[in-house]
Amino acid sequence: MFENRNLIQPKKDPFLLFEEWFEEAKLKEQNDPNAMNLSTISKDLKPSSRIVLLKSFDQDGFVFYTNLQSKKGISLLSNSNASLTFHWKSLLKQIRIEGRAHQVTSKEADDYFNSRPMESRIGAWASNQSSELSDRQELIDKISLYKKKFQQNSISRPPHWTGFRVEPNLIEFWKDMPFRLHDRIEYKKTDNKWISRRLYP
C-alpha cells in the first residue's frame, strides 16, 4: 500500500530538476505553465500574493517583469524578500522558491520589452498599475494617446518598467502521492552549495 515507487529523483543541481519539471509542464499544462504565485512583503510587513509569469530562468534565478510603481514593485524595492510557487495541477506537482529579488540589468529589461507585442509596449506606458481607475474609458484614451505619440518613433521602455530576478536560497519540489503522503525534496543554499534533503509530507 505504501510503496516507494515514483518518488522524486533528486539531482545535484536543483535547476536541472526545475528545468525537467518545467519542460514537462509546458507539454501537459493547458494554460500558462509559466504562471507562478509571487508573494512579497510591504514596508509595513504585510504579505501580498499575486500570479505573475516567469519569463526566463538560469543559475542566477527566476525572472519576471513589472511596473516599479505597482504594489509588488513598491514592496520589492522596500523589502527584497520574496517567494514563488508553481502549481501544475495536471502534473500533481508544485515547486516552492524562497529568495531575494533584484532588478535585472537595463539591457535585459530593454531586450525583453522590445520583444513584446506593440500593444503590450503601449500598455506599459498607458497603465498606472495598481492605481485607482475611475473609468475604463480613461485607460482606452491613454492607450490612444500613446499610440499617437509613438506613431513615428520606436516605443522606448518606460523608466518605471523593468524586471526582477528572484535569486533563490531555498527550492522545494513537491509531488502528490496517495493518502496525502506526499513526496518532498528541499534544497538549501549554504556557502554557495546546494544541500538537499527529503522532508516528511
N, C-alpha and C. Protein backbone atom coordinates (compact mmCIF):
# COMPACT_ATOMS: atom_id res chain seq x y z
N MET A 1 0.83 -1.20 0.00
CA MET A 1 0.00 0.00 0.00
C MET A 1 0.87 1.26 0.00
N PHE A 2 1.91 1.29 0.85
CA PHE A 2 2.76 2.48 0.96
C PHE A 2 4.10 2.17 0.28
N GLU A 3 4.06 2.13 -1.05
CA GLU A 3 5.26 1.78 -1.80
C GLU A 3 6.09 3.02 -2.11
N ASN A 4 7.34 2.78 -2.48
CA ASN A 4 8.25 3.88 -2.76
C ASN A 4 8.44 4.12 -4.26
N ARG A 5 7.48 3.68 -5.04
CA ARG A 5 7.58 3.91 -6.47
C ARG A 5 7.26 5.36 -6.80
N ASN A 6 7.83 5.83 -7.90
CA ASN A 6 7.54 7.16 -8.45
C ASN A 6 7.91 8.31 -7.52
N LEU A 7 8.89 8.10 -6.67
CA LEU A 7 9.37 9.19 -5.84
C LEU A 7 10.20 10.16 -6.69
N ILE A 8 10.34 11.38 -6.19
CA ILE A 8 11.18 12.37 -6.87
C ILE A 8 12.62 11.85 -6.88
N GLN A 9 13.25 11.93 -8.04
CA GLN A 9 14.65 11.54 -8.16
C GLN A 9 15.51 12.80 -8.08
N PRO A 10 16.11 13.08 -6.91
CA PRO A 10 16.86 14.34 -6.76
C PRO A 10 18.09 14.40 -7.65
N LYS A 11 18.43 15.63 -8.04
CA LYS A 11 19.65 15.87 -8.80
C LYS A 11 20.57 16.74 -7.95
N LYS A 12 21.83 16.78 -8.31
CA LYS A 12 22.78 17.58 -7.54
C LYS A 12 22.42 19.07 -7.63
N ASP A 13 21.95 19.48 -8.80
CA ASP A 13 21.62 20.87 -9.07
C ASP A 13 20.11 21.02 -9.16
N PRO A 14 19.47 21.81 -8.28
CA PRO A 14 18.01 21.93 -8.34
C PRO A 14 17.50 22.57 -9.62
N PHE A 15 18.34 23.37 -10.29
CA PHE A 15 17.90 23.99 -11.53
C PHE A 15 17.71 22.95 -12.63
N LEU A 16 18.47 21.86 -12.58
CA LEU A 16 18.28 20.79 -13.56
C LEU A 16 16.93 20.10 -13.33
N LEU A 17 16.59 19.89 -12.07
CA LEU A 17 15.29 19.29 -11.76
C LEU A 17 14.16 20.25 -12.11
N PHE A 18 14.36 21.55 -11.83
CA PHE A 18 13.34 22.53 -12.21
C PHE A 18 13.12 22.50 -13.71
N GLU A 19 14.19 22.51 -14.46
CA GLU A 19 14.07 22.51 -15.93
C GLU A 19 13.33 21.27 -16.42
N GLU A 20 13.61 20.13 -15.83
CA GLU A 20 12.94 18.88 -16.20
C GLU A 20 11.43 18.98 -15.95
N TRP A 21 11.05 19.48 -14.77
CA TRP A 21 9.62 19.60 -14.44
C TRP A 21 8.96 20.68 -15.29
N PHE A 22 9.66 21.77 -15.54
CA PHE A 22 9.10 22.87 -16.32
C PHE A 22 8.84 22.44 -17.76
N GLU A 23 9.77 21.68 -18.33
CA GLU A 23 9.56 21.16 -19.70
C GLU A 23 8.35 20.23 -19.75
N GLU A 24 8.19 19.42 -18.71
CA GLU A 24 7.02 18.54 -18.63
C GLU A 24 5.74 19.36 -18.53
N ALA A 25 5.78 20.43 -17.74
CA ALA A 25 4.60 21.29 -17.58
C ALA A 25 4.23 21.97 -18.90
N LYS A 26 5.23 22.38 -19.67
CA LYS A 26 4.96 23.04 -20.95
C LYS A 26 4.26 22.10 -21.93
N LEU A 27 4.49 20.80 -21.76
CA LEU A 27 3.83 19.83 -22.63
C LEU A 27 2.43 19.47 -22.16
N LYS A 28 2.19 19.51 -20.85
CA LYS A 28 0.94 18.97 -20.31
C LYS A 28 -0.01 19.99 -19.70
N GLU A 29 0.53 21.13 -19.24
CA GLU A 29 -0.33 22.13 -18.60
C GLU A 29 -1.03 22.95 -19.68
N GLN A 30 -2.37 23.03 -19.64
CA GLN A 30 -3.12 23.67 -20.72
C GLN A 30 -2.85 25.16 -20.85
N ASN A 31 -2.87 25.87 -19.73
CA ASN A 31 -2.75 27.32 -19.78
C ASN A 31 -1.60 27.80 -18.91
N ASP A 32 -0.75 28.64 -19.49
CA ASP A 32 0.31 29.33 -18.76
C ASP A 32 1.11 28.43 -17.82
N PRO A 33 1.87 27.49 -18.36
CA PRO A 33 2.72 26.67 -17.49
C PRO A 33 3.77 27.50 -16.76
N ASN A 34 4.00 28.73 -17.25
CA ASN A 34 4.98 29.62 -16.60
C ASN A 34 4.34 30.53 -15.55
N ALA A 35 3.06 30.30 -15.23
CA ALA A 35 2.40 31.09 -14.19
C ALA A 35 2.94 30.70 -12.82
N MET A 36 3.24 31.71 -12.01
CA MET A 36 3.75 31.44 -10.66
C MET A 36 3.18 32.46 -9.69
N ASN A 37 2.95 32.00 -8.49
CA ASN A 37 2.48 32.90 -7.44
C ASN A 37 3.68 33.63 -6.84
N LEU A 38 3.61 34.95 -6.84
CA LEU A 38 4.67 35.78 -6.25
C LEU A 38 4.15 36.38 -4.95
N SER A 39 4.85 36.14 -3.86
CA SER A 39 4.49 36.73 -2.57
C SER A 39 5.57 37.73 -2.16
N THR A 40 5.11 38.90 -1.74
CA THR A 40 6.01 39.96 -1.31
C THR A 40 5.59 40.45 0.07
N ILE A 41 6.45 41.28 0.66
CA ILE A 41 6.17 41.86 1.97
C ILE A 41 6.28 43.37 1.85
N SER A 42 5.25 44.08 2.27
CA SER A 42 5.25 45.54 2.14
C SER A 42 6.14 46.18 3.21
N LYS A 43 6.28 47.50 3.09
CA LYS A 43 7.11 48.25 4.03
C LYS A 43 6.59 48.10 5.47
N ASP A 44 5.25 47.96 5.60
CA ASP A 44 4.67 47.78 6.93
C ASP A 44 4.47 46.30 7.27
N LEU A 45 5.23 45.43 6.58
CA LEU A 45 5.33 43.99 6.88
C LEU A 45 4.05 43.21 6.62
N LYS A 46 3.25 43.68 5.67
CA LYS A 46 2.05 42.93 5.29
C LYS A 46 2.33 42.11 4.03
N PRO A 47 2.00 40.80 4.07
CA PRO A 47 2.23 39.97 2.90
C PRO A 47 1.18 40.20 1.82
N SER A 48 1.57 39.97 0.59
CA SER A 48 0.63 40.09 -0.53
C SER A 48 1.06 39.11 -1.61
N SER A 49 0.08 38.49 -2.28
CA SER A 49 0.37 37.49 -3.31
C SER A 49 -0.41 37.78 -4.57
N ARG A 50 0.18 37.41 -5.71
CA ARG A 50 -0.49 37.53 -6.99
C ARG A 50 0.21 36.61 -7.99
N ILE A 51 -0.45 36.32 -9.11
CA ILE A 51 0.14 35.48 -10.14
C ILE A 51 0.87 36.34 -11.15
N VAL A 52 2.11 35.98 -11.44
CA VAL A 52 2.90 36.63 -12.49
C VAL A 52 3.43 35.53 -13.41
N LEU A 53 4.08 35.93 -14.50
CA LEU A 53 4.58 34.96 -15.46
C LEU A 53 6.11 34.91 -15.45
N LEU A 54 6.64 33.72 -15.33
CA LEU A 54 8.08 33.52 -15.45
C LEU A 54 8.48 33.76 -16.90
N LYS A 55 9.46 34.64 -17.11
CA LYS A 55 9.89 34.95 -18.47
C LYS A 55 11.23 34.32 -18.82
N SER A 56 12.04 34.03 -17.83
CA SER A 56 13.30 33.32 -18.07
C SER A 56 13.85 32.85 -16.73
N PHE A 57 14.78 31.92 -16.81
CA PHE A 57 15.47 31.47 -15.60
C PHE A 57 16.84 30.95 -15.99
N ASP A 58 17.76 31.05 -15.04
CA ASP A 58 19.10 30.49 -15.20
C ASP A 58 19.65 30.22 -13.81
N GLN A 59 20.93 29.94 -13.72
CA GLN A 59 21.52 29.61 -12.43
C GLN A 59 21.46 30.76 -11.42
N ASP A 60 21.20 31.97 -11.93
CA ASP A 60 21.12 33.13 -11.04
C ASP A 60 19.71 33.35 -10.48
N GLY A 61 18.70 32.75 -11.11
CA GLY A 61 17.36 32.93 -10.57
C GLY A 61 16.25 32.95 -11.60
N PHE A 62 15.08 33.43 -11.15
CA PHE A 62 13.84 33.37 -11.91
C PHE A 62 13.35 34.79 -12.19
N VAL A 63 13.09 35.10 -13.45
CA VAL A 63 12.84 36.48 -13.87
C VAL A 63 11.39 36.72 -14.27
N PHE A 64 10.83 37.83 -13.77
CA PHE A 64 9.52 38.32 -14.22
C PHE A 64 9.64 39.83 -14.37
N TYR A 65 8.65 40.44 -15.05
CA TYR A 65 8.68 41.88 -15.33
C TYR A 65 7.45 42.57 -14.76
N THR A 66 7.64 43.84 -14.41
CA THR A 66 6.53 44.57 -13.78
C THR A 66 6.79 46.07 -13.82
N ASN A 67 5.80 46.80 -13.35
CA ASN A 67 5.88 48.25 -13.17
C ASN A 67 6.41 48.53 -11.76
N LEU A 68 7.45 49.32 -11.66
CA LEU A 68 8.02 49.61 -10.34
C LEU A 68 7.06 50.38 -9.44
N GLN A 69 6.04 51.01 -10.05
CA GLN A 69 5.08 51.78 -9.28
C GLN A 69 3.87 50.94 -8.87
N SER A 70 3.88 49.66 -9.24
CA SER A 70 2.80 48.75 -8.83
C SER A 70 3.00 48.35 -7.37
N LYS A 71 1.99 47.70 -6.81
CA LYS A 71 2.09 47.27 -5.41
C LYS A 71 3.28 46.34 -5.20
N LYS A 72 3.46 45.38 -6.11
CA LYS A 72 4.57 44.45 -5.95
C LYS A 72 5.91 45.13 -6.16
N GLY A 73 5.97 46.08 -7.13
CA GLY A 73 7.21 46.80 -7.37
C GLY A 73 7.62 47.61 -6.16
N ILE A 74 6.68 48.33 -5.58
CA ILE A 74 6.95 49.15 -4.40
C ILE A 74 7.40 48.26 -3.23
N SER A 75 6.72 47.12 -3.05
CA SER A 75 7.07 46.21 -1.96
C SER A 75 8.49 45.67 -2.12
N LEU A 76 8.84 45.27 -3.35
CA LEU A 76 10.15 44.68 -3.57
C LEU A 76 11.28 45.70 -3.43
N LEU A 77 10.99 46.96 -3.73
CA LEU A 77 12.00 47.99 -3.58
C LEU A 77 12.28 48.29 -2.11
N SER A 78 11.29 48.04 -1.25
CA SER A 78 11.48 48.30 0.18
C SER A 78 11.89 47.05 0.95
N ASN A 79 11.55 45.86 0.40
CA ASN A 79 11.89 44.60 1.06
C ASN A 79 12.10 43.55 -0.04
N SER A 80 13.34 43.15 -0.24
CA SER A 80 13.65 42.28 -1.38
C SER A 80 13.30 40.82 -1.16
N ASN A 81 12.88 40.45 0.06
CA ASN A 81 12.49 39.06 0.31
C ASN A 81 11.24 38.72 -0.49
N ALA A 82 11.28 37.58 -1.15
CA ALA A 82 10.14 37.17 -1.99
C ALA A 82 10.07 35.65 -2.04
N SER A 83 8.89 35.16 -2.37
CA SER A 83 8.74 33.72 -2.60
C SER A 83 7.91 33.49 -3.86
N LEU A 84 8.16 32.37 -4.51
CA LEU A 84 7.46 31.98 -5.73
C LEU A 84 6.90 30.57 -5.53
N THR A 85 5.74 30.31 -6.12
CA THR A 85 5.19 28.96 -6.12
C THR A 85 4.64 28.63 -7.49
N PHE A 86 5.08 27.51 -8.04
CA PHE A 86 4.50 26.96 -9.26
C PHE A 86 3.61 25.80 -8.83
N HIS A 87 2.37 25.79 -9.34
CA HIS A 87 1.48 24.66 -9.06
C HIS A 87 0.94 24.16 -10.40
N TRP A 88 1.35 22.95 -10.77
CA TRP A 88 0.91 22.35 -12.01
C TRP A 88 -0.08 21.23 -11.68
N LYS A 89 -1.35 21.58 -11.74
CA LYS A 89 -2.39 20.64 -11.33
C LYS A 89 -2.40 19.39 -12.20
N SER A 90 -2.13 19.58 -13.51
CA SER A 90 -2.15 18.43 -14.42
C SER A 90 -1.02 17.45 -14.12
N LEU A 91 0.05 17.92 -13.49
CA LEU A 91 1.18 17.05 -13.15
C LEU A 91 1.14 16.56 -11.72
N LEU A 92 0.26 17.16 -10.91
CA LEU A 92 0.22 16.89 -9.47
C LEU A 92 1.57 17.19 -8.83
N LYS A 93 2.14 18.33 -9.25
CA LYS A 93 3.44 18.74 -8.74
C LYS A 93 3.42 20.24 -8.43
N GLN A 94 4.27 20.64 -7.50
CA GLN A 94 4.48 22.06 -7.27
C GLN A 94 5.92 22.30 -6.84
N ILE A 95 6.36 23.53 -7.05
CA ILE A 95 7.71 23.95 -6.65
C ILE A 95 7.59 25.24 -5.87
N ARG A 96 8.24 25.29 -4.73
CA ARG A 96 8.23 26.47 -3.87
C ARG A 96 9.64 27.03 -3.79
N ILE A 97 9.77 28.36 -3.96
CA ILE A 97 11.07 29.01 -4.03
C ILE A 97 11.09 30.20 -3.07
N GLU A 98 12.16 30.33 -2.31
CA GLU A 98 12.35 31.49 -1.45
C GLU A 98 13.68 32.14 -1.79
N GLY A 99 13.72 33.48 -1.75
CA GLY A 99 14.97 34.17 -2.05
C GLY A 99 14.82 35.67 -1.99
N ARG A 100 15.76 36.35 -2.63
CA ARG A 100 15.74 37.81 -2.68
C ARG A 100 15.61 38.26 -4.13
N ALA A 101 14.83 39.32 -4.34
CA ALA A 101 14.59 39.84 -5.68
C ALA A 101 15.45 41.06 -5.93
N HIS A 102 16.10 41.07 -7.10
CA HIS A 102 16.93 42.21 -7.50
C HIS A 102 16.56 42.58 -8.93
N GLN A 103 16.65 43.86 -9.24
CA GLN A 103 16.30 44.30 -10.58
C GLN A 103 17.27 43.72 -11.61
N VAL A 104 16.74 43.37 -12.78
CA VAL A 104 17.58 42.92 -13.88
C VAL A 104 18.34 44.12 -14.44
N THR A 105 19.31 43.87 -15.29
CA THR A 105 20.05 44.97 -15.91
C THR A 105 19.16 45.71 -16.90
N SER A 106 19.54 46.95 -17.21
CA SER A 106 18.79 47.75 -18.19
C SER A 106 18.74 47.04 -19.54
N LYS A 107 19.83 46.40 -19.92
CA LYS A 107 19.86 45.70 -21.20
C LYS A 107 18.87 44.54 -21.23
N GLU A 108 18.83 43.77 -20.13
CA GLU A 108 17.87 42.67 -20.06
C GLU A 108 16.44 43.20 -20.18
N ALA A 109 16.14 44.28 -19.44
CA ALA A 109 14.79 44.85 -19.47
C ALA A 109 14.47 45.38 -20.86
N ASP A 110 15.44 46.07 -21.49
CA ASP A 110 15.22 46.60 -22.84
C ASP A 110 14.98 45.48 -23.84
N ASP A 111 15.81 44.45 -23.78
CA ASP A 111 15.69 43.34 -24.74
C ASP A 111 14.33 42.67 -24.61
N TYR A 112 13.89 42.42 -23.35
CA TYR A 112 12.59 41.77 -23.21
C TYR A 112 11.46 42.71 -23.64
N PHE A 113 11.55 43.98 -23.23
CA PHE A 113 10.50 44.95 -23.59
C PHE A 113 10.34 45.04 -25.10
N ASN A 114 11.45 45.08 -25.81
CA ASN A 114 11.39 45.21 -27.27
C ASN A 114 10.89 43.95 -27.96
N SER A 115 10.88 42.83 -27.24
CA SER A 115 10.36 41.58 -27.82
C SER A 115 8.84 41.46 -27.67
N ARG A 116 8.24 42.34 -26.87
CA ARG A 116 6.80 42.27 -26.61
C ARG A 116 5.99 42.81 -27.79
N PRO A 117 4.73 42.38 -27.94
CA PRO A 117 3.88 42.95 -28.99
C PRO A 117 3.72 44.46 -28.79
N MET A 118 3.46 45.17 -29.87
CA MET A 118 3.33 46.62 -29.81
C MET A 118 2.28 47.05 -28.79
N GLU A 119 1.15 46.35 -28.75
CA GLU A 119 0.06 46.72 -27.83
C GLU A 119 0.51 46.59 -26.37
N SER A 120 1.33 45.59 -26.08
CA SER A 120 1.81 45.41 -24.71
C SER A 120 2.79 46.53 -24.33
N ARG A 121 3.61 46.95 -25.29
CA ARG A 121 4.55 48.04 -25.01
C ARG A 121 3.79 49.35 -24.78
N ILE A 122 2.75 49.58 -25.57
CA ILE A 122 1.91 50.78 -25.37
C ILE A 122 1.23 50.70 -24.01
N GLY A 123 0.75 49.52 -23.65
CA GLY A 123 0.06 49.33 -22.38
C GLY A 123 0.94 49.64 -21.19
N ALA A 124 2.25 49.35 -21.32
CA ALA A 124 3.17 49.63 -20.22
C ALA A 124 3.27 51.13 -19.95
N TRP A 125 3.11 51.94 -21.00
CA TRP A 125 3.10 53.40 -20.83
C TRP A 125 1.74 53.89 -20.31
N ALA A 126 0.66 53.28 -20.79
CA ALA A 126 -0.68 53.80 -20.50
C ALA A 126 -1.21 53.43 -19.13
N SER A 127 -0.72 52.32 -18.56
CA SER A 127 -1.29 51.84 -17.30
C SER A 127 -0.52 52.35 -16.09
N ASN A 128 -1.23 53.02 -15.19
CA ASN A 128 -0.68 53.36 -13.88
C ASN A 128 -0.97 52.19 -12.95
N GLN A 129 -0.23 51.12 -13.12
CA GLN A 129 -0.55 49.83 -12.49
C GLN A 129 -0.78 49.96 -10.99
N SER A 130 -1.86 49.37 -10.54
CA SER A 130 -2.29 49.31 -9.14
C SER A 130 -2.94 50.59 -8.64
N SER A 131 -2.95 51.66 -9.47
CA SER A 131 -3.63 52.90 -9.08
C SER A 131 -5.11 52.80 -9.40
N GLU A 132 -5.91 53.62 -8.74
CA GLU A 132 -7.36 53.59 -8.97
C GLU A 132 -7.68 54.04 -10.40
N LEU A 133 -8.60 53.31 -11.04
CA LEU A 133 -9.09 53.65 -12.38
C LEU A 133 -10.57 53.95 -12.26
N SER A 134 -10.93 55.20 -12.40
CA SER A 134 -12.33 55.59 -12.19
C SER A 134 -13.23 55.15 -13.33
N ASP A 135 -12.66 55.06 -14.53
CA ASP A 135 -13.47 54.69 -15.69
C ASP A 135 -12.57 53.99 -16.71
N ARG A 136 -13.01 52.86 -17.25
CA ARG A 136 -12.21 52.11 -18.22
C ARG A 136 -11.86 52.97 -19.44
N GLN A 137 -12.75 53.90 -19.77
CA GLN A 137 -12.51 54.76 -20.93
C GLN A 137 -11.24 55.59 -20.75
N GLU A 138 -10.93 55.90 -19.51
CA GLU A 138 -9.71 56.67 -19.22
C GLU A 138 -8.47 55.90 -19.69
N LEU A 139 -8.46 54.60 -19.46
CA LEU A 139 -7.35 53.76 -19.91
C LEU A 139 -7.31 53.71 -21.43
N ILE A 140 -8.47 53.52 -22.05
CA ILE A 140 -8.54 53.44 -23.52
C ILE A 140 -8.04 54.74 -24.15
N ASP A 141 -8.42 55.87 -23.54
CA ASP A 141 -7.98 57.17 -24.06
C ASP A 141 -6.46 57.32 -23.94
N LYS A 142 -5.89 56.82 -22.84
CA LYS A 142 -4.45 56.91 -22.66
C LYS A 142 -3.71 56.02 -23.66
N ILE A 143 -4.29 54.86 -23.97
CA ILE A 143 -3.71 53.99 -24.98
C ILE A 143 -3.68 54.70 -26.34
N SER A 144 -4.78 55.36 -26.69
CA SER A 144 -4.85 56.10 -27.95
C SER A 144 -3.82 57.22 -27.98
N LEU A 145 -3.67 57.90 -26.85
CA LEU A 145 -2.71 59.00 -26.74
C LEU A 145 -1.29 58.52 -26.99
N TYR A 146 -0.92 57.39 -26.37
CA TYR A 146 0.44 56.89 -26.54
C TYR A 146 0.66 56.27 -27.92
N LYS A 147 -0.37 55.74 -28.51
CA LYS A 147 -0.25 55.24 -29.89
C LYS A 147 0.11 56.37 -30.83
N LYS A 148 -0.54 57.52 -30.64
CA LYS A 148 -0.23 58.70 -31.46
C LYS A 148 1.18 59.20 -31.18
N LYS A 149 1.55 59.20 -29.90
CA LYS A 149 2.87 59.71 -29.51
C LYS A 149 4.00 58.91 -30.15
N PHE A 150 3.81 57.59 -30.21
CA PHE A 150 4.86 56.73 -30.74
C PHE A 150 4.64 56.33 -32.20
N GLN A 151 3.72 56.99 -32.85
CA GLN A 151 3.36 56.62 -34.22
C GLN A 151 4.57 56.66 -35.16
N GLN A 152 5.38 57.69 -34.99
CA GLN A 152 6.53 57.87 -35.88
C GLN A 152 7.85 57.45 -35.24
N ASN A 153 7.79 56.97 -33.99
CA ASN A 153 9.01 56.63 -33.27
C ASN A 153 8.91 55.23 -32.67
N SER A 154 10.07 54.65 -32.39
CA SER A 154 10.06 53.35 -31.73
C SER A 154 9.57 53.54 -30.29
N ILE A 155 8.97 52.51 -29.75
CA ILE A 155 8.40 52.59 -28.40
C ILE A 155 9.49 52.24 -27.40
N SER A 156 9.98 53.24 -26.70
CA SER A 156 11.04 53.01 -25.72
C SER A 156 10.45 52.42 -24.44
N ARG A 157 11.30 51.79 -23.66
CA ARG A 157 10.85 51.21 -22.39
C ARG A 157 10.63 52.32 -21.36
N PRO A 158 9.46 52.32 -20.70
CA PRO A 158 9.23 53.33 -19.65
C PRO A 158 10.25 53.19 -18.53
N PRO A 159 10.70 54.29 -17.94
CA PRO A 159 11.71 54.21 -16.87
C PRO A 159 11.20 53.46 -15.63
N HIS A 160 9.87 53.37 -15.48
CA HIS A 160 9.31 52.69 -14.31
C HIS A 160 8.98 51.21 -14.59
N TRP A 161 9.40 50.70 -15.74
CA TRP A 161 9.06 49.33 -16.13
C TRP A 161 10.35 48.53 -16.25
N THR A 162 10.44 47.43 -15.49
CA THR A 162 11.66 46.62 -15.55
C THR A 162 11.36 45.21 -15.05
N GLY A 163 12.41 44.46 -14.82
CA GLY A 163 12.23 43.09 -14.34
C GLY A 163 12.93 42.86 -13.02
N PHE A 164 12.53 41.79 -12.36
CA PHE A 164 13.19 41.35 -11.13
C PHE A 164 13.65 39.91 -11.32
N ARG A 165 14.78 39.62 -10.75
CA ARG A 165 15.27 38.24 -10.71
C ARG A 165 15.26 37.78 -9.26
N VAL A 166 14.51 36.74 -8.99
CA VAL A 166 14.48 36.17 -7.64
C VAL A 166 15.62 35.17 -7.54
N GLU A 167 16.63 35.52 -6.74
CA GLU A 167 17.78 34.65 -6.54
C GLU A 167 17.49 33.72 -5.36
N PRO A 168 17.31 32.44 -5.62
CA PRO A 168 16.83 31.54 -4.56
C PRO A 168 17.88 31.13 -3.56
N ASN A 169 17.43 30.96 -2.34
CA ASN A 169 18.27 30.31 -1.33
C ASN A 169 17.60 29.03 -0.83
N LEU A 170 16.36 28.81 -1.29
CA LEU A 170 15.63 27.58 -0.97
C LEU A 170 14.71 27.23 -2.14
N ILE A 171 14.75 25.97 -2.56
CA ILE A 171 13.84 25.46 -3.59
C ILE A 171 13.30 24.12 -3.11
N GLU A 172 11.98 24.00 -3.07
CA GLU A 172 11.36 22.75 -2.62
C GLU A 172 10.49 22.16 -3.73
N PHE A 173 10.70 20.90 -4.00
CA PHE A 173 9.92 20.16 -5.00
C PHE A 173 8.92 19.26 -4.28
N TRP A 174 7.68 19.33 -4.71
CA TRP A 174 6.59 18.61 -4.06
C TRP A 174 5.85 17.78 -5.10
N LYS A 175 5.61 16.52 -4.77
CA LYS A 175 4.88 15.64 -5.68
C LYS A 175 3.76 14.94 -4.94
N ASP A 176 2.57 14.98 -5.52
CA ASP A 176 1.40 14.34 -4.91
C ASP A 176 1.60 12.83 -4.86
N MET A 177 1.26 12.26 -3.70
CA MET A 177 1.34 10.81 -3.51
C MET A 177 0.05 10.34 -2.84
N PRO A 178 -0.26 9.04 -2.94
CA PRO A 178 -1.50 8.53 -2.34
C PRO A 178 -1.58 8.77 -0.84
N PHE A 179 -2.79 8.94 -0.37
CA PHE A 179 -3.10 9.07 1.05
C PHE A 179 -2.45 10.31 1.69
N ARG A 180 -2.17 11.31 0.84
CA ARG A 180 -1.56 12.57 1.29
C ARG A 180 -0.18 12.38 1.89
N LEU A 181 0.46 11.26 1.53
CA LEU A 181 1.84 11.02 1.96
C LEU A 181 2.79 11.53 0.88
N HIS A 182 2.69 12.84 0.63
CA HIS A 182 3.36 13.46 -0.49
C HIS A 182 4.89 13.39 -0.36
N ASP A 183 5.55 13.44 -1.52
CA ASP A 183 7.00 13.38 -1.56
C ASP A 183 7.55 14.80 -1.68
N ARG A 184 8.53 15.14 -0.84
CA ARG A 184 9.10 16.49 -0.83
C ARG A 184 10.62 16.43 -0.77
N ILE A 185 11.25 17.19 -1.66
CA ILE A 185 12.71 17.35 -1.65
C ILE A 185 13.01 18.83 -1.51
N GLU A 186 13.80 19.17 -0.50
CA GLU A 186 14.16 20.57 -0.26
C GLU A 186 15.65 20.77 -0.53
N TYR A 187 15.94 21.86 -1.26
CA TYR A 187 17.33 22.27 -1.48
C TYR A 187 17.56 23.60 -0.77
N LYS A 188 18.63 23.67 0.02
CA LYS A 188 19.02 24.92 0.66
C LYS A 188 20.43 25.28 0.22
N LYS A 189 20.63 26.57 -0.03
CA LYS A 189 21.95 27.02 -0.46
C LYS A 189 22.76 27.43 0.76
N THR A 190 23.89 26.78 0.94
CA THR A 190 24.78 27.07 2.06
C THR A 190 26.21 27.16 1.54
N ASP A 191 26.86 28.31 1.79
CA ASP A 191 28.22 28.54 1.30
C ASP A 191 28.31 28.28 -0.21
N ASN A 192 27.30 28.81 -0.92
CA ASN A 192 27.23 28.70 -2.39
C ASN A 192 27.12 27.26 -2.88
N LYS A 193 26.69 26.36 -2.01
CA LYS A 193 26.45 24.98 -2.43
C LYS A 193 25.02 24.60 -2.08
N TRP A 194 24.40 23.79 -2.95
CA TRP A 194 23.04 23.32 -2.70
C TRP A 194 23.09 22.01 -1.91
N ILE A 195 22.40 22.01 -0.77
CA ILE A 195 22.29 20.80 0.05
C ILE A 195 20.84 20.34 0.01
N SER A 196 20.61 19.08 -0.33
CA SER A 196 19.25 18.57 -0.44
C SER A 196 18.91 17.62 0.70
N ARG A 197 17.62 17.55 0.99
CA ARG A 197 17.14 16.60 1.98
C ARG A 197 15.67 16.30 1.67
N ARG A 198 15.24 15.13 2.05
CA ARG A 198 13.85 14.74 1.88
C ARG A 198 13.09 15.14 3.13
N LEU A 199 11.86 15.66 2.97
CA LEU A 199 11.04 16.11 4.08
C LEU A 199 9.84 15.20 4.29
N TYR A 200 9.37 15.13 5.51
CA TYR A 200 8.10 14.47 5.78
C TYR A 200 7.00 15.20 5.00
N PRO A 201 5.89 14.50 4.68
CA PRO A 201 4.80 15.13 3.93
C PRO A 201 4.25 16.37 4.63
